[in-house]
Structure formats: C-alpha cells, structure tokens
Amino acid sequence: MSEIRVGENESLDNAIKRFKRQCARSGVLSEYRKREHYEKPSVKKKKKSEAAKRKKRNF
C-alpha cells in the first residue's frame, strides 16, 4: 500500500506526482494490470518463456 504525507506548504499537484511515482516504483500498477484478467497457467508459462527469450536476446 502506497502512502505519502503532504507537507504544510506542499501543493496538491506535487503530492499527487509523488504518489504516482511511488506507485510506479513499488509496482502497484503493474501488479494490478497483471491481476486484472485471469490467465490460464499455460498462457502464463508461454509469456514467461517468451520474456526469457527476449531478455536473453538483448544481452
């Protein structure tokens, strides 16, 4: 769970930007997207192997 404290002289826009950055760093949005729809185990396995192939090819 991401949480930020807003300072007395801090604008709301800056606080929202900090919150979005913190969410991106902690992986909240990517985790949400991953869990948004059910994937069969075979599809997960295929995606994982394709990601490994891509990663190996880039080195």
PDB file of N, CA and C in Angstrom:
ATOM      1  N   MET A   1       0.843  -1.172   0.000  1.00  0.00           N
ATOM      2  CA  MET A   1       0.000   0.000   0.000  1.00  0.00           C
ATOM      3  C   MET A   1       0.889   1.236   0.000  1.00  0.00           C
ATOM      4  N   SER A   2       0.708   2.095  -0.964  1.00  0.00           N
ATOM      5  CA  SER A   2       1.494   3.322  -1.055  1.00  0.00           C
ATOM      6  C   SER A   2       0.834   4.413  -0.236  1.00  0.00           C
ATOM      7  N   GLU A   3       1.661   5.140   0.469  1.00  0.00           N
ATOM      8  CA  GLU A   3       1.152   6.212   1.309  1.00  0.00           C
ATOM      9  C   GLU A   3       2.156   7.348   1.314  1.00  0.00           C
ATOM     10  N   ILE A   4       1.662   8.568   1.220  1.00  0.00           N
ATOM     11  CA  ILE A   4       2.532   9.735   1.311  1.00  0.00           C
ATOM     12  C   ILE A   4       1.933  10.709   2.316  1.00  0.00           C
ATOM     13  N   ARG A   5       2.776  11.534   2.872  1.00  0.00           N
ATOM     14  CA  ARG A   5       2.326  12.585   3.779  1.00  0.00           C
ATOM     15  C   ARG A   5       2.525  13.915   3.073  1.00  0.00           C
ATOM     16  N   VAL A   6       1.487  14.725   3.079  1.00  0.00           N
ATOM     17  CA  VAL A   6       1.527  16.015   2.407  1.00  0.00           C
ATOM     18  C   VAL A   6       2.033  17.056   3.395  1.00  0.00           C
ATOM     19  N   GLY A   7       3.072  17.783   2.984  1.00  0.00           N
ATOM     20  CA  GLY A   7       3.618  18.831   3.834  1.00  0.00           C
ATOM     21  C   GLY A   7       2.694  20.036   3.903  1.00  0.00           C
ATOM     22  N   GLU A   8       2.951  20.894   4.848  1.00  0.00           N
ATOM     23  CA  GLU A   8       2.090  22.066   5.042  1.00  0.00           C
ATOM     24  C   GLU A   8       2.103  22.986   3.824  1.00  0.00           C
ATOM     25  N   ASN A   9       3.267  23.240   3.264  1.00  0.00           N
ATOM     26  CA  ASN A   9       3.381  24.172   2.141  1.00  0.00           C
ATOM     27  C   ASN A   9       3.429  23.474   0.786  1.00  0.00           C
ATOM     28  N   GLU A  10       3.116  22.194   0.752  1.00  0.00           N
ATOM     29  CA  GLU A  10       3.182  21.432  -0.496  1.00  0.00           C
ATOM     30  C   GLU A  10       1.842  21.511  -1.231  1.00  0.00           C
ATOM     31  N   SER A  11       1.918  21.724  -2.531  1.00  0.00           N
ATOM     32  CA  SER A  11       0.668  21.781  -3.311  1.00  0.00           C
ATOM     33  C   SER A  11       0.134  20.373  -3.540  1.00  0.00           C
ATOM     34  N   LEU A  12      -1.125  20.303  -3.831  1.00  0.00           N
ATOM     35  CA  LEU A  12      -1.769  19.018  -4.065  1.00  0.00           C
ATOM     36  C   LEU A  12      -1.211  18.348  -5.319  1.00  0.00           C
ATOM     37  N   ASP A  13      -0.883  19.151  -6.343  1.00  0.00           N
ATOM     38  CA  ASP A  13      -0.316  18.601  -7.577  1.00  0.00           C
ATOM     39  C   ASP A  13       1.007  17.888  -7.308  1.00  0.00           C
ATOM     40  N   ASN A  14       1.863  18.509  -6.504  1.00  0.00           N
ATOM     41  CA  ASN A  14       3.145  17.878  -6.172  1.00  0.00           C
ATOM     42  C   ASN A  14       2.935  16.590  -5.387  1.00  0.00           C
ATOM     43  N   ALA A  15       1.980  16.589  -4.489  1.00  0.00           N
ATOM     44  CA  ALA A  15       1.697  15.390  -3.703  1.00  0.00           C
ATOM     45  C   ALA A  15       1.204  14.266  -4.603  1.00  0.00           C
ATOM     46  N   ILE A  16       0.357  14.597  -5.560  1.00  0.00           N
ATOM     47  CA  ILE A  16      -0.158  13.574  -6.483  1.00  0.00           C
ATOM     48  C   ILE A  16       0.972  13.018  -7.336  1.00  0.00           C
ATOM     49  N   LYS A  17       1.874  13.889  -7.796  1.00  0.00           N
ATOM     50  CA  LYS A  17       3.020  13.430  -8.585  1.00  0.00           C
ATOM     51  C   LYS A  17       3.885  12.485  -7.770  1.00  0.00           C
ATOM     52  N   ARG A  18       4.141  12.833  -6.496  1.00  0.00           N
ATOM     53  CA  ARG A  18       4.943  11.956  -5.634  1.00  0.00           C
ATOM     54  C   ARG A  18       4.252  10.617  -5.435  1.00  0.00           C
ATOM     55  N   PHE A  19       2.932  10.656  -5.248  1.00  0.00           N
ATOM     56  CA  PHE A  19       2.176   9.419  -5.056  1.00  0.00           C
ATOM     57  C   PHE A  19       2.253   8.527  -6.291  1.00  0.00           C
ATOM     58  N   LYS A  20       2.096   9.116  -7.472  1.00  0.00           N
ATOM     59  CA  LYS A  20       2.169   8.335  -8.710  1.00  0.00           C
ATOM     60  C   LYS A  20       3.553   7.723  -8.894  1.00  0.00           C
ATOM     61  N   ARG A  21       4.599   8.502  -8.597  1.00  0.00           N
ATOM     62  CA  ARG A  21       5.968   7.984  -8.705  1.00  0.00           C
ATOM     63  C   ARG A  21       6.183   6.824  -7.751  1.00  0.00           C
ATOM     64  N   GLN A  22       5.678   6.961  -6.528  1.00  0.00           N
ATOM     65  CA  GLN A  22       5.843   5.910  -5.535  1.00  0.00           C
ATOM     66  C   GLN A  22       5.092   4.641  -5.962  1.00  0.00           C
ATOM     67  N   CYS A  23       3.913   4.813  -6.519  1.00  0.00           N
ATOM     68  CA  CYS A  23       3.150   3.649  -7.003  1.00  0.00           C
ATOM     69  C   CYS A  23       3.890   2.952  -8.139  1.00  0.00           C
ATOM     70  N   ALA A  24       4.473   3.740  -9.039  1.00  0.00           N
ATOM     71  CA  ALA A  24       5.199   3.159 -10.164  1.00  0.00           C
ATOM     72  C   ALA A  24       6.425   2.396  -9.675  1.00  0.00           C
ATOM     73  N   ARG A  25       7.129   2.951  -8.713  1.00  0.00           N
ATOM     74  CA  ARG A  25       8.329   2.285  -8.195  1.00  0.00           C
ATOM     75  C   ARG A  25       8.002   0.997  -7.468  1.00  0.00           C
ATOM     76  N   SER A  26       6.924   1.000  -6.713  1.00  0.00           N
ATOM     77  CA  SER A  26       6.584  -0.183  -5.931  1.00  0.00           C
ATOM     78  C   SER A  26       5.910  -1.262  -6.764  1.00  0.00           C
ATOM     79  N   GLY A  27       5.490  -0.934  -7.984  1.00  0.00           N
ATOM     80  CA  GLY A  27       4.915  -1.935  -8.877  1.00  0.00           C
ATOM     81  C   GLY A  27       3.432  -2.173  -8.661  1.00  0.00           C
ATOM     82  N   VAL A  28       2.745  -1.242  -8.032  1.00  0.00           N
ATOM     83  CA  VAL A  28       1.319  -1.410  -7.765  1.00  0.00           C
ATOM     84  C   VAL A  28       0.526  -1.501  -9.067  1.00  0.00           C
ATOM     85  N   LEU A  29       0.801  -0.608 -10.003  1.00  0.00           N
ATOM     86  CA  LEU A  29       0.036  -0.594 -11.247  1.00  0.00           C
ATOM     87  C   LEU A  29       0.307  -1.824 -12.106  1.00  0.00           C
ATOM     88  N   SER A  30       1.563  -2.249 -12.182  1.00  0.00           N
ATOM     89  CA  SER A  30       1.858  -3.439 -12.981  1.00  0.00           C
ATOM     90  C   SER A  30       1.214  -4.679 -12.359  1.00  0.00           C
ATOM     91  N   GLU A  31       1.194  -4.739 -11.035  1.00  0.00           N
ATOM     92  CA  GLU A  31       0.545  -5.856 -10.353  1.00  0.00           C
ATOM     93  C   GLU A  31      -0.963  -5.834 -10.621  1.00  0.00           C
ATOM     94  N   TYR A  32      -1.548  -4.662 -10.621  1.00  0.00           N
ATOM     95  CA  TYR A  32      -2.980  -4.535 -10.913  1.00  0.00           C
ATOM     96  C   TYR A  32      -3.284  -5.016 -12.326  1.00  0.00           C
ATOM     97  N   ARG A  33      -2.483  -4.574 -13.279  1.00  0.00           N
ATOM     98  CA  ARG A  33      -2.711  -4.976 -14.668  1.00  0.00           C
ATOM     99  C   ARG A  33      -2.557  -6.481 -14.843  1.00  0.00           C
ATOM    100  N   LYS A  34      -1.596  -7.046 -14.114  1.00  0.00           N
ATOM    101  CA  LYS A  34      -1.364  -8.478 -14.219  1.00  0.00           C
ATOM    102  C   LYS A  34      -2.554  -9.269 -13.665  1.00  0.00           C
ATOM    103  N   ARG A  35      -3.181  -8.764 -12.611  1.00  0.00           N
ATOM    104  CA  ARG A  35      -4.286  -9.478 -11.974  1.00  0.00           C
ATOM    105  C   ARG A  35      -5.658  -9.066 -12.496  1.00  0.00           C
ATOM    106  N   GLU A  36      -5.697  -8.143 -13.435  1.00  0.00           N
ATOM    107  CA  GLU A  36      -6.971  -7.622 -13.916  1.00  0.00           C
ATOM    108  C   GLU A  36      -7.819  -8.710 -14.569  1.00  0.00           C
ATOM    109  N   HIS A  37      -7.197  -9.573 -15.342  1.00  0.00           N
ATOM    110  CA  HIS A  37      -7.909 -10.648 -16.030  1.00  0.00           C
ATOM    111  C   HIS A  37      -7.231 -11.974 -15.710  1.00  0.00           C
ATOM    112  N   TYR A  38      -8.013 -13.022 -15.651  1.00  0.00           N
ATOM    113  CA  TYR A  38      -7.475 -14.339 -15.370  1.00  0.00           C
ATOM    114  C   TYR A  38      -6.713 -14.860 -16.572  1.00  0.00           C
ATOM    115  N   GLU A  39      -5.545 -15.426 -16.315  1.00  0.00           N
ATOM    116  CA  GLU A  39      -4.762 -16.083 -17.364  1.00  0.00           C
ATOM    117  C   GLU A  39      -4.609 -17.546 -17.000  1.00  0.00           C
ATOM    118  N   LYS A  40      -4.796 -18.391 -17.985  1.00  0.00           N
ATOM    119  CA  LYS A  40      -4.597 -19.813 -17.748  1.00  0.00           C
ATOM    120  C   LYS A  40      -3.116 -20.060 -17.465  1.00  0.00           C
ATOM    121  N   PRO A  41      -2.810 -21.088 -16.706  1.00  0.00           N
ATOM    122  CA  PRO A  41      -1.413 -21.391 -16.406  1.00  0.00           C
ATOM    123  C   PRO A  41      -0.564 -21.611 -17.658  1.00  0.00           C
ATOM    124  N   SER A  42      -1.146 -22.185 -18.707  1.00  0.00           N
ATOM    125  CA  SER A  42      -0.386 -22.417 -19.939  1.00  0.00           C
ATOM    126  C   SER A  42      -0.004 -21.087 -20.592  1.00  0.00           C
ATOM    127  N   VAL A  43      -0.898 -20.098 -20.527  1.00  0.00           N
ATOM    128  CA  VAL A  43      -0.614 -18.782 -21.099  1.00  0.00           C
ATOM    129  C   VAL A  43       0.480 -18.086 -20.288  1.00  0.00           C
ATOM    130  N   LYS A  44       0.407 -18.209 -18.953  1.00  0.00           N
ATOM    131  CA  LYS A  44       1.441 -17.618 -18.090  1.00  0.00           C
ATOM    132  C   LYS A  44       2.807 -18.212 -18.424  1.00  0.00           C
ATOM    133  N   LYS A  45       2.833 -19.533 -18.589  1.00  0.00           N
ATOM    134  CA  LYS A  45       4.091 -20.219 -18.888  1.00  0.00           C
ATOM    135  C   LYS A  45       4.663 -19.755 -20.221  1.00  0.00           C
ATOM    136  N   LYS A  46       3.793 -19.593 -21.212  1.00  0.00           N
ATOM    137  CA  LYS A  46       4.231 -19.151 -22.534  1.00  0.00           C
ATOM    138  C   LYS A  46       4.791 -17.734 -22.471  1.00  0.00           C
ATOM    139  N   LYS A  47       4.096 -16.833 -21.761  1.00  0.00           N
ATOM    140  CA  LYS A  47       4.574 -15.458 -21.625  1.00  0.00           C
ATOM    141  C   LYS A  47       5.921 -15.411 -20.910  1.00  0.00           C
ATOM    142  N   LYS A  48       6.063 -16.241 -19.889  1.00  0.00           N
ATOM    143  CA  LYS A  48       7.316 -16.266 -19.128  1.00  0.00           C
ATOM    144  C   LYS A  48       8.481 -16.728 -20.005  1.00  0.00           C
ATOM    145  N   SER A  49       8.249 -17.756 -20.822  1.00  0.00           N
ATOM    146  CA  SER A  49       9.329 -18.249 -21.686  1.00  0.00           C
ATOM    147  C   SER A  49       9.659 -17.227 -22.773  1.00  0.00           C
ATOM    148  N   GLU A  50       8.640 -16.536 -23.297  1.00  0.00           N
ATOM    149  CA  GLU A  50       8.906 -15.506 -24.307  1.00  0.00           C
ATOM    150  C   GLU A  50       9.702 -14.343 -23.713  1.00  0.00           C
ATOM    151  N   ALA A  51       9.385 -13.968 -22.474  1.00  0.00           N
ATOM    152  CA  ALA A  51      10.131 -12.889 -21.812  1.00  0.00           C
ATOM    153  C   ALA A  51      11.582 -13.312 -21.590  1.00  0.00           C
ATOM    154  N   ALA A  52      11.792 -14.559 -21.237  1.00  0.00           N
ATOM    155  CA  ALA A  52      13.156 -15.049 -21.039  1.00  0.00           C
ATOM    156  C   ALA A  52      13.932 -15.034 -22.349  1.00  0.00           C
ATOM    157  N   LYS A  53      13.265 -15.402 -23.437  1.00  0.00           N
ATOM    158  CA  LYS A  53      13.916 -15.370 -24.754  1.00  0.00           C
ATOM    159  C   LYS A  53      14.292 -13.959 -25.135  1.00  0.00           C
ATOM    160  N   ARG A  54      13.374 -13.004 -24.898  1.00  0.00           N
ATOM    161  CA  ARG A  54      13.653 -11.596 -25.200  1.00  0.00           C
ATOM    162  C   ARG A  54      14.819 -11.082 -24.377  1.00  0.00           C
ATOM    163  N   LYS A  55      14.823 -11.443 -23.095  1.00  0.00           N
ATOM    164  CA  LYS A  55      15.882 -10.980 -22.208  1.00  0.00           C
ATOM    165  C   LYS A  55      17.235 -11.560 -22.624  1.00  0.00           C
ATOM    166  N   LYS A  56      17.240 -12.843 -23.004  1.00  0.00           N
ATOM    167  CA  LYS A  56      18.480 -13.490 -23.420  1.00  0.00           C
ATOM    168  C   LYS A  56      19.009 -12.893 -24.728  1.00  0.00           C
ATOM    169  N   ARG A  57      18.093 -12.546 -25.622  1.00  0.00           N
ATOM    170  CA  ARG A  57      18.470 -11.978 -26.913  1.00  0.00           C
ATOM    171  C   ARG A  57      19.086 -10.582 -26.769  1.00  0.00           C
ATOM    172  N   ASN A  58      18.643  -9.817 -25.769  1.00  0.00           N
ATOM    173  CA  ASN A  58      19.146  -8.449 -25.574  1.00  0.00           C
ATOM    174  C   ASN A  58      20.541  -8.414 -24.979  1.00  0.00           C
ATOM    175  N   PHE A  59      21.023  -9.513 -24.425  1.00  0.00           N
ATOM    176  CA  PHE A  59      22.373  -9.498 -23.831  1.00  0.00           C
ATOM    177  C   PHE A  59      23.415  -9.800 -24.821  1.00  0.00           C
TER     178      PHE A  59
END
